[in-house]
């Protein structure tokens, strides 16, 4: 993953996941974050979102996932 300041598996999520679930969740989140950074804004032009936007978006998505769980 390019951006080190974006946590793939935040602590609140780690507390709820088994080791296997954490591994799957990490893979999913790293792929999603990479895509958002590289091409999420304009996929046809390979233009991604800024790291600040991706960090906020990743936090919101994680919060939603925990609400669903």
Protein backbone atom coordinates (compact mmCIF):
# COMPACT_ATOMS: atom_id res chain seq x y z
CA UNK A 1 0.00 0.00 0.00
CA UNK A 2 1.37 3.41 -0.94
CA UNK A 3 0.00 5.64 1.78
CA UNK A 4 1.29 4.59 5.21
CA UNK A 5 -0.86 7.05 7.14
CA UNK A 6 -4.04 5.20 6.11
CA UNK A 7 -4.69 2.24 8.37
CA UNK A 8 -5.83 -0.87 6.52
CA UNK A 9 -7.29 -2.40 9.69
CA UNK A 10 -8.05 0.18 12.40
CA UNK A 11 -7.95 -0.95 16.04
CA UNK A 12 -11.74 -1.00 16.55
CA UNK A 13 -12.04 -3.43 13.65
CA UNK A 14 -9.10 -5.56 14.86
CA UNK A 15 -10.86 -6.08 18.17
CA UNK A 16 -13.86 -7.66 16.43
CA UNK A 17 -12.07 -9.89 13.93
CA UNK A 18 -10.45 -13.30 14.19
CA UNK A 19 -6.93 -13.59 12.70
CA UNK A 20 -8.29 -15.09 9.48
CA UNK A 21 -11.01 -12.43 9.19
CA UNK A 22 -8.42 -9.73 9.82
CA UNK A 23 -6.25 -11.07 7.01
CA UNK A 24 -9.19 -11.06 4.57
CA UNK A 25 -10.30 -7.61 5.71
CA UNK A 26 -6.74 -6.25 5.35
CA UNK A 27 -6.51 -7.58 1.79
CA UNK A 28 -9.89 -6.07 0.88
CA UNK A 29 -9.07 -2.69 2.43
CA UNK A 30 -5.58 -2.46 0.91
CA UNK A 31 -7.02 -3.16 -2.54
CA UNK A 32 -9.77 -0.59 -2.06
CA UNK A 33 -7.38 2.09 -0.75
CA UNK A 34 -4.92 1.47 -3.61
CA UNK A 35 -7.73 1.82 -6.13
CA UNK A 36 -9.01 5.04 -4.55
CA UNK A 37 -5.50 6.54 -4.56
CA UNK A 38 -4.61 5.44 -8.10
CA UNK A 39 -7.79 5.74 -10.13
CA UNK A 40 -10.85 6.22 -7.94
CA UNK A 41 -11.75 9.72 -9.05
CA UNK A 42 -11.51 9.21 -12.82
CA UNK A 43 -10.91 5.53 -13.59
CA UNK A 44 -10.72 6.09 -17.35
CA UNK A 45 -7.91 8.62 -16.87
CA UNK A 46 -6.17 6.88 -13.92
CA UNK A 47 -6.71 9.88 -11.66
CA UNK A 48 -7.09 9.08 -7.98
CA UNK A 49 -8.27 10.95 -4.93
CA UNK A 50 -5.91 12.80 -2.61
CA UNK A 51 -4.56 10.92 0.39
CA UNK A 52 -6.56 13.12 2.78
CA UNK A 53 -9.80 12.27 0.97
CA UNK A 54 -8.95 8.57 0.88
CA UNK A 55 -8.10 8.59 4.60
CA UNK A 56 -11.51 10.11 5.47
CA UNK A 57 -13.33 7.77 3.08
CA UNK A 58 -11.56 4.68 4.44
CA UNK A 59 -12.44 5.70 8.00
CA UNK A 60 -16.11 6.17 7.08
CA UNK A 61 -16.28 2.83 5.27
CA UNK A 62 -14.68 1.05 8.24
CA UNK A 63 -17.18 2.67 10.59
CA UNK A 64 -20.04 1.53 8.34
CA UNK A 65 -18.68 -2.04 8.19
CA UNK A 66 -18.49 -2.17 11.99
CA UNK A 67 -22.07 -0.88 12.25
CA UNK A 68 -23.23 -3.65 9.88
CA UNK A 69 -21.35 -6.33 11.86
